[in-house]
Amino acid sequence: MSKRKLSRQQRWRIEKIQAERAARADKQAVRETESLEAGEYGPEVAGRVIAHFGRTLDIQSANATLHRCHVRANLDSLVTGDRVIWREAQDGSGVIVARDSRDNVLERPDPYHQLKPVAANIDQILIVFAVEPAPFANLIDRYLVAAEATGITPALVLNKIDLLPEDGGELGALLTHYERLGYAVVRATTQRDDGLDALHERLTDRTSVFVGQSGVGKSSLIDRLLPDEALRIGALSEDSRKGTHTTTTARLYALPGGGELIDSPGIREFGLVHLDEQQVAEGFIEFRDLLGHCRFRDCRHRNEPGCALIDAVERGSVSQQRFASYRRILESLTPR
């Protein structure tokens, strides 16, 4: 998409707004420095970002109390899950003065193809799908490729299994294939007393993040996992059977049985425009041992002779469906 050309007046207005924001930030930084030097804030203590609301954040202290804090202007962007150093004011609010190092960060591209951080310090990404709205293999592969690119362990969660036919149907067979590839697959339902036992086990003692299409029941699952939390549950549209967004900001929840869960805003498609062809190929875990073994060093795995991937598909060691999914993802990255 080409950028819209701005008029001189529009550029002037944008520059004026940016200058005003910078001036306000500078004044805020001066006030913060003066207050800190005057001893109006308490000592530095460790905390964890629980939710993010622009320049203000909810921070959880070591004693599990929540504090609404604002961020010093000189700090890099903070996200849910970040470990921070903050100082408390007399009214219980506070100011964040430093960010601790991150183990990892989950990012996703925004509509302008810029990477936007979503959450930090995560042990696993739980990719939630449901029997309804029906998922597609290519969409599952997109999530897995995106997850593999982060270096964070992914797992698949199939929700609403009460709607599956007894033999599991095509969806059951599809998820069995992912299990054979080595991915953990958790089956869940909120319609049975024991429907979340496997999910509880997967979540215990880990920091996890839920991602997935809208309407697959992420908020419903969290409502059952955290019965004391008041969550808005989105209903499926009876006409389109597509989900409606209910979560507006990433939030971290402490699980009663141990572990933490971050619920991120629902998205219908996990964009991969920030990845190149090599990263996409490496996102298919069964391809990794084959990459670099093609006859030609610059093989793009289309119809080149001696392509290790194509040979593996013909031998049956790589599924035709996964290879076709890989090709579809590459085509989606090509500018039209």
Protein backbone atom coordinates (compact mmCIF):
# COMPACT_ATOMS: atom_id res chain seq x y z
CA MET A 1 0.00 0.00 0.00
CA SER A 2 1.49 3.35 -1.08
CA LYS A 3 1.74 6.11 1.51
CA ARG A 4 -0.69 9.01 1.16
CA LYS A 5 1.06 12.28 0.26
CA LEU A 6 0.48 14.94 2.89
CA SER A 7 -0.07 18.61 2.20
CA ARG A 8 2.18 21.26 3.76
CA GLN A 9 -0.57 22.20 6.22
CA GLN A 10 -1.09 18.56 7.24
CA ARG A 11 2.64 18.09 7.79
CA TRP A 12 2.72 21.29 9.87
CA ARG A 13 -0.18 20.08 12.05
CA ILE A 14 1.46 16.70 12.60
CA GLU A 15 4.79 18.30 13.50
CA LYS A 16 2.98 20.73 15.85
CA ILE A 17 1.18 17.89 17.64
CA GLN A 18 4.40 15.89 17.97
CA ALA A 19 6.23 18.93 19.33
CA GLU A 20 3.46 19.54 21.89
CA ARG A 21 3.59 15.91 23.01
CA ALA A 22 7.37 16.09 23.34
CA ALA A 23 7.09 19.29 25.37
CA ARG A 24 4.54 17.70 27.72
CA ALA A 25 6.78 14.65 28.11
CA ASP A 26 9.74 16.88 28.91
CA LYS A 27 7.73 18.75 31.56
CA GLN A 28 6.55 15.46 33.04
CA ALA A 29 10.14 14.19 33.14
CA VAL A 30 11.26 17.35 34.94
CA ARG A 31 8.45 17.03 37.51
CA GLU A 32 9.29 13.37 38.07
CA THR A 33 12.98 14.14 38.55
CA GLU A 34 12.20 16.93 41.01
CA SER A 35 9.79 14.71 42.96
CA LEU A 36 12.27 11.84 43.07
CA GLU A 37 15.08 14.11 44.23
CA ALA A 38 12.81 15.67 46.85
CA GLY A 39 12.13 12.26 48.36
CA GLU A 40 8.42 12.26 47.51
CA TYR A 41 8.63 8.64 46.33
CA GLY A 42 9.58 5.57 48.31
CA PRO A 43 12.60 3.31 47.72
CA GLU A 44 13.12 1.34 44.50
CA VAL A 45 11.29 -2.00 44.51
CA ALA A 46 10.74 -4.76 41.97
CA GLY A 47 7.41 -5.29 40.23
CA ARG A 48 5.72 -6.93 37.27
CA VAL A 49 3.63 -5.27 34.56
CA ILE A 50 0.13 -6.76 34.79
CA ALA A 51 -1.64 -4.56 32.23
CA HIS A 52 -0.75 -1.69 29.93
CA PHE A 53 -2.84 1.44 29.29
CA GLY A 54 -0.66 3.77 27.22
CA ARG A 55 1.58 5.79 29.55
CA THR A 56 0.07 4.21 32.65
CA LEU A 57 0.42 0.59 33.75
CA ASP A 58 -0.82 -1.70 36.48
CA ILE A 59 2.17 -3.00 38.44
CA GLN A 60 2.08 -5.91 40.86
CA SER A 61 4.46 -5.62 43.78
CA ALA A 62 6.16 -8.43 45.67
CA ASN A 63 3.26 -8.63 48.17
CA ALA A 64 0.78 -9.08 45.27
CA THR A 65 -0.82 -5.63 45.60
CA LEU A 66 -1.63 -3.63 42.47
CA HIS A 67 -0.48 -0.06 41.84
CA ARG A 68 -1.32 2.27 38.96
CA CYS A 69 2.01 3.68 37.75
CA HIS A 70 3.19 5.94 34.99
CA VAL A 71 6.38 5.51 32.99
CA ARG A 72 9.32 7.86 32.96
CA ALA A 73 9.71 9.47 29.55
CA ASN A 74 13.21 8.11 29.02
CA LEU A 75 12.19 4.44 29.26
CA ASP A 76 11.75 2.09 26.32
CA SER A 77 8.33 0.64 25.59
CA LEU A 78 6.97 -1.65 28.31
CA VAL A 79 4.57 -4.54 27.82
CA THR A 80 2.59 -6.93 29.97
CA GLY A 81 4.92 -9.42 31.64
CA ASP A 82 7.88 -7.05 31.88
CA ARG A 83 9.84 -7.00 35.13
CA VAL A 84 10.43 -3.44 36.29
CA ILE A 85 11.82 -1.28 39.08
CA TRP A 86 9.37 1.32 40.45
CA ARG A 87 8.93 3.75 43.33
CA GLU A 88 5.70 4.34 45.24
CA ALA A 89 4.09 7.72 45.92
CA GLN A 90 2.21 8.55 49.11
CA ASP A 91 -1.17 8.01 47.42
CA GLY A 92 -0.29 4.43 46.41
CA SER A 93 0.46 5.24 42.78
CA GLY A 94 3.99 5.14 41.49
CA VAL A 95 6.55 5.80 38.80
CA ILE A 96 8.50 3.16 36.88
CA VAL A 97 12.19 4.07 36.80
CA ALA A 98 13.76 1.05 35.02
CA ARG A 99 13.00 -2.09 33.09
CA ASP A 100 14.78 -5.34 33.90
CA SER A 101 16.19 -7.54 31.13
CA ARG A 102 13.74 -9.68 29.15
CA ASP A 103 13.95 -13.42 28.59
CA ASN A 104 11.96 -12.95 25.39
CA VAL A 105 9.24 -10.78 23.86
CA LEU A 106 6.22 -11.71 21.75
CA GLU A 107 5.66 -9.30 18.85
CA ARG A 108 3.13 -9.11 16.06
CA PRO A 109 2.99 -6.82 13.01
CA ASP A 110 0.51 -3.96 13.05
CA PRO A 111 -1.50 -2.86 9.96
CA TYR A 112 1.55 -0.84 8.85
CA HIS A 113 3.79 -3.94 9.00
CA GLN A 114 5.67 -2.59 12.02
CA LEU A 115 6.39 -5.06 14.80
CA LYS A 116 4.43 -4.29 17.96
CA PRO A 117 5.40 -5.96 21.26
CA VAL A 118 2.51 -7.75 22.99
CA ALA A 119 3.99 -9.48 26.03
CA ALA A 120 7.35 -10.41 27.57
CA ASN A 121 8.98 -13.16 29.63
CA ILE A 122 6.80 -16.00 28.38
CA ASP A 123 7.37 -19.76 28.71
CA GLN A 124 4.85 -20.89 26.10
CA ILE A 125 2.39 -19.64 23.50
CA LEU A 126 -0.98 -21.39 23.62
CA ILE A 127 -2.60 -21.20 20.18
CA VAL A 128 -6.32 -21.56 20.83
CA PHE A 129 -8.68 -22.92 18.18
CA ALA A 130 -12.18 -24.26 18.40
CA VAL A 131 -14.47 -26.67 16.62
CA GLU A 132 -16.50 -23.55 15.86
CA PRO A 133 -15.56 -21.18 14.24
CA ALA A 134 -13.90 -23.92 12.17
CA PRO A 135 -10.12 -23.53 11.89
CA PHE A 136 -8.10 -24.26 8.77
CA ALA A 137 -4.77 -26.06 8.58
CA ASN A 138 -3.12 -23.07 6.91
CA LEU A 139 -4.24 -20.75 9.74
CA ILE A 140 -2.84 -23.16 12.33
CA ASP A 141 0.42 -23.27 10.38
CA ARG A 142 0.58 -19.47 10.30
CA TYR A 143 0.32 -19.31 14.07
CA LEU A 144 2.94 -22.03 14.46
CA VAL A 145 5.37 -20.31 12.09
CA ALA A 146 4.89 -17.02 13.94
CA ALA A 147 5.42 -18.78 17.28
CA GLU A 148 8.52 -20.63 16.07
CA ALA A 149 10.02 -17.33 14.89
CA THR A 150 9.82 -15.97 18.46
CA GLY A 151 11.76 -18.90 19.94
CA ILE A 152 8.92 -19.42 22.45
CA THR A 153 7.48 -22.94 22.77
CA PRO A 154 4.06 -23.23 21.08
CA ALA A 155 1.23 -25.60 21.96
CA LEU A 156 -2.19 -26.07 20.37
CA VAL A 157 -5.40 -25.85 22.42
CA LEU A 158 -8.54 -27.20 20.78
CA ASN A 159 -11.54 -25.72 22.57
CA LYS A 160 -15.21 -26.78 22.42
CA ILE A 161 -14.38 -30.46 21.92
CA ASP A 162 -17.94 -31.24 23.04
CA LEU A 163 -18.91 -30.24 19.47
CA LEU A 164 -16.58 -32.80 17.86
CA PRO A 165 -18.07 -35.96 16.34
CA GLU A 166 -17.26 -39.18 18.18
CA ASP A 167 -14.53 -40.18 15.72
CA GLY A 168 -12.94 -36.73 15.94
CA GLY A 169 -13.66 -35.97 12.29
CA GLU A 170 -11.19 -34.19 10.02
CA LEU A 171 -10.17 -31.76 12.75
CA GLY A 172 -9.26 -34.58 15.13
CA ALA A 173 -7.15 -36.23 12.44
CA LEU A 174 -5.45 -32.92 11.68
CA LEU A 175 -4.45 -32.35 15.30
CA THR A 176 -3.18 -35.94 15.58
CA HIS A 177 -0.81 -35.08 12.73
CA TYR A 178 0.50 -32.06 14.68
CA GLU A 179 1.05 -34.31 17.69
CA ARG A 180 3.14 -36.64 15.52
CA LEU A 181 5.26 -33.65 14.52
CA GLY A 182 6.00 -33.13 18.21
CA TYR A 183 3.57 -30.34 19.11
CA ALA A 184 1.64 -30.56 22.34
CA VAL A 185 -2.12 -30.59 21.69
CA VAL A 186 -4.49 -29.87 24.57
CA ARG A 187 -8.21 -30.66 24.19
CA ALA A 188 -10.60 -28.57 26.27
CA THR A 189 -14.25 -27.79 26.87
CA THR A 190 -16.09 -25.67 29.41
CA GLN A 191 -19.12 -27.94 29.15
CA ARG A 192 -17.77 -30.76 31.35
CA ASP A 193 -16.46 -30.74 34.91
CA ASP A 194 -13.21 -32.43 33.78
CA GLY A 195 -13.02 -30.51 30.50
CA LEU A 196 -10.12 -28.29 31.59
CA ASP A 197 -7.99 -30.83 33.46
CA ALA A 198 -5.45 -31.18 30.63
CA LEU A 199 -5.28 -27.40 30.22
CA HIS A 200 -4.70 -26.89 33.96
CA GLU A 201 -1.79 -29.33 33.78
CA ARG A 202 -0.28 -27.52 30.80
CA LEU A 203 -0.53 -24.12 32.51
CA THR A 204 0.85 -25.05 35.93
CA ASP A 205 4.15 -23.38 36.84
CA ARG A 206 4.50 -21.68 33.44
CA THR A 207 3.91 -18.18 32.14
CA SER A 208 1.67 -18.63 29.13
CA VAL A 209 0.01 -16.39 26.57
CA PHE A 210 -3.23 -17.11 24.73
CA VAL A 211 -3.43 -16.20 21.04
CA GLY A 212 -5.99 -17.16 18.43
CA GLN A 213 -8.95 -16.11 16.36
CA SER A 214 -11.73 -14.12 17.93
CA GLY A 215 -14.66 -16.22 19.08
CA VAL A 216 -12.70 -19.39 19.86
CA GLY A 217 -13.45 -19.01 23.56
CA LYS A 218 -10.22 -17.65 25.04
CA SER A 219 -12.09 -15.42 27.47
CA SER A 220 -14.52 -18.23 28.32
CA LEU A 221 -11.60 -20.50 29.15
CA ILE A 222 -10.03 -17.83 31.36
CA ASP A 223 -13.38 -17.24 33.05
CA ARG A 224 -13.36 -20.90 34.11
CA LEU A 225 -9.66 -20.95 34.95
CA LEU A 226 -10.04 -17.76 37.02
CA PRO A 227 -13.57 -17.77 38.44
CA ASP A 228 -12.92 -14.70 40.58
CA GLU A 229 -12.11 -12.51 37.57
CA ALA A 230 -14.93 -10.55 35.94
CA LEU A 231 -14.51 -11.06 32.20
CA ARG A 232 -16.77 -10.06 29.38
CA ILE A 233 -17.61 -13.04 27.22
CA GLY A 234 -18.18 -12.39 23.55
CA ALA A 235 -20.99 -14.25 21.83
CA LEU A 236 -20.65 -15.72 18.37
CA SER A 237 -22.59 -14.02 15.63
CA GLU A 238 -25.46 -16.32 14.71
CA ASP A 239 -25.20 -15.25 11.08
CA SER A 240 -21.48 -15.24 10.30
CA ARG A 241 -20.31 -17.60 13.10
CA LYS A 242 -17.28 -15.33 13.44
CA GLY A 243 -16.10 -14.08 16.77
CA THR A 244 -16.40 -10.67 18.31
CA HIS A 245 -13.48 -9.01 20.08
CA THR A 246 -13.83 -8.83 23.86
CA THR A 247 -10.27 -8.28 25.14
CA THR A 248 -8.82 -4.81 24.52
CA THR A 249 -5.43 -5.01 26.25
CA ALA A 250 -3.01 -7.77 27.21
CA ARG A 251 -3.45 -8.63 30.89
CA LEU A 252 -1.56 -11.04 33.14
CA TYR A 253 -3.47 -13.27 35.57
CA ALA A 254 -2.05 -15.39 38.40
CA LEU A 255 -3.45 -18.91 38.26
CA PRO A 256 -4.75 -20.42 41.52
CA GLY A 257 -2.85 -23.67 40.94
CA GLY A 258 0.42 -21.92 40.07
CA GLY A 259 1.64 -20.24 36.93
CA GLU A 260 0.57 -17.12 35.07
CA LEU A 261 -1.58 -16.50 32.03
CA ILE A 262 -1.52 -13.51 29.67
CA ASP A 263 -4.64 -12.91 27.60
CA SER A 264 -3.89 -10.90 24.46
CA PRO A 265 -6.35 -9.09 22.20
CA GLY A 266 -8.09 -11.48 19.82
CA ILE A 267 -6.88 -11.44 16.26
CA ARG A 268 -8.34 -13.22 13.25
CA GLU A 269 -5.03 -13.53 11.39
CA PHE A 270 -1.48 -13.55 12.67
CA GLY A 271 0.46 -11.58 10.05
CA LEU A 272 3.78 -12.93 8.84
CA VAL A 273 4.84 -10.01 6.68
CA HIS A 274 7.86 -9.39 8.94
CA LEU A 275 9.34 -12.83 8.08
CA ASP A 276 11.44 -13.76 5.05
CA GLU A 277 11.27 -17.01 3.08
CA GLN A 278 14.03 -18.65 5.12
CA GLN A 279 12.29 -17.86 8.40
CA VAL A 280 9.01 -19.25 7.09
CA ALA A 281 10.72 -22.47 6.00
CA GLU A 282 12.38 -22.82 9.42
CA GLY A 283 8.95 -22.34 11.01
CA PHE A 284 7.96 -25.75 9.62
CA ILE A 285 9.85 -27.92 12.08
CA GLU A 286 9.91 -31.02 9.85
CA PHE A 287 11.76 -29.00 7.17
CA ARG A 288 14.70 -28.02 9.34
CA ASP A 289 16.88 -31.10 8.80
CA LEU A 290 16.30 -30.81 5.04
CA LEU A 291 17.16 -27.15 4.61
CA GLY A 292 20.62 -26.65 3.11
CA HIS A 293 20.60 -30.10 1.44
CA CYS A 294 19.12 -29.08 -1.92
CA ARG A 295 21.25 -29.42 -5.06
CA PHE A 296 21.32 -25.67 -5.51
CA ARG A 297 22.31 -23.35 -2.69
CA ASP A 298 19.70 -20.76 -3.71
CA CYS A 299 16.87 -23.31 -4.08
CA ARG A 300 13.47 -21.75 -3.36
CA HIS A 301 11.68 -25.13 -3.13
CA ARG A 302 9.36 -24.56 -6.09
CA ASN A 303 10.22 -26.97 -8.94
CA GLU A 304 14.01 -26.90 -8.90
CA PRO A 305 15.68 -30.29 -9.59
CA GLY A 306 17.27 -31.86 -6.54
CA CYS A 307 15.10 -29.95 -4.04
CA ALA A 308 15.32 -31.78 -0.72
CA LEU A 309 11.86 -30.61 0.35
CA ILE A 310 10.12 -31.72 -2.84
CA ASP A 311 11.94 -35.07 -2.67
CA ALA A 312 10.75 -35.52 0.93
CA VAL A 313 7.15 -34.80 -0.11
CA GLU A 314 7.41 -37.39 -2.88
CA ARG A 315 8.80 -39.94 -0.42
CA GLY A 316 5.99 -39.19 2.03
CA SER A 317 8.25 -38.02 4.88
CA VAL A 318 6.77 -34.51 4.59
CA SER A 319 3.02 -34.22 4.18
CA GLN A 320 1.67 -32.74 0.97
CA GLN A 321 -0.79 -30.66 3.02
CA ARG A 322 1.95 -29.03 5.08
CA PHE A 323 4.09 -28.35 2.02
CA ALA A 324 1.09 -26.80 0.23
CA SER A 325 0.44 -24.70 3.33
CA TYR A 326 4.06 -23.55 3.26
CA ARG A 327 3.71 -22.53 -0.39
CA ARG A 328 0.50 -20.59 0.37
CA ILE A 329 2.23 -18.67 3.14
CA LEU A 330 5.10 -17.73 0.82
CA GLU A 331 2.65 -16.55 -1.82
CA SER A 332 0.93 -14.35 0.76
CA LEU A 333 4.25 -12.60 1.47
CA THR A 334 4.73 -11.62 -2.19
CA PRO A 335 3.52 -8.06 -2.94
CA ARG A 336 0.65 -8.06 -5.40
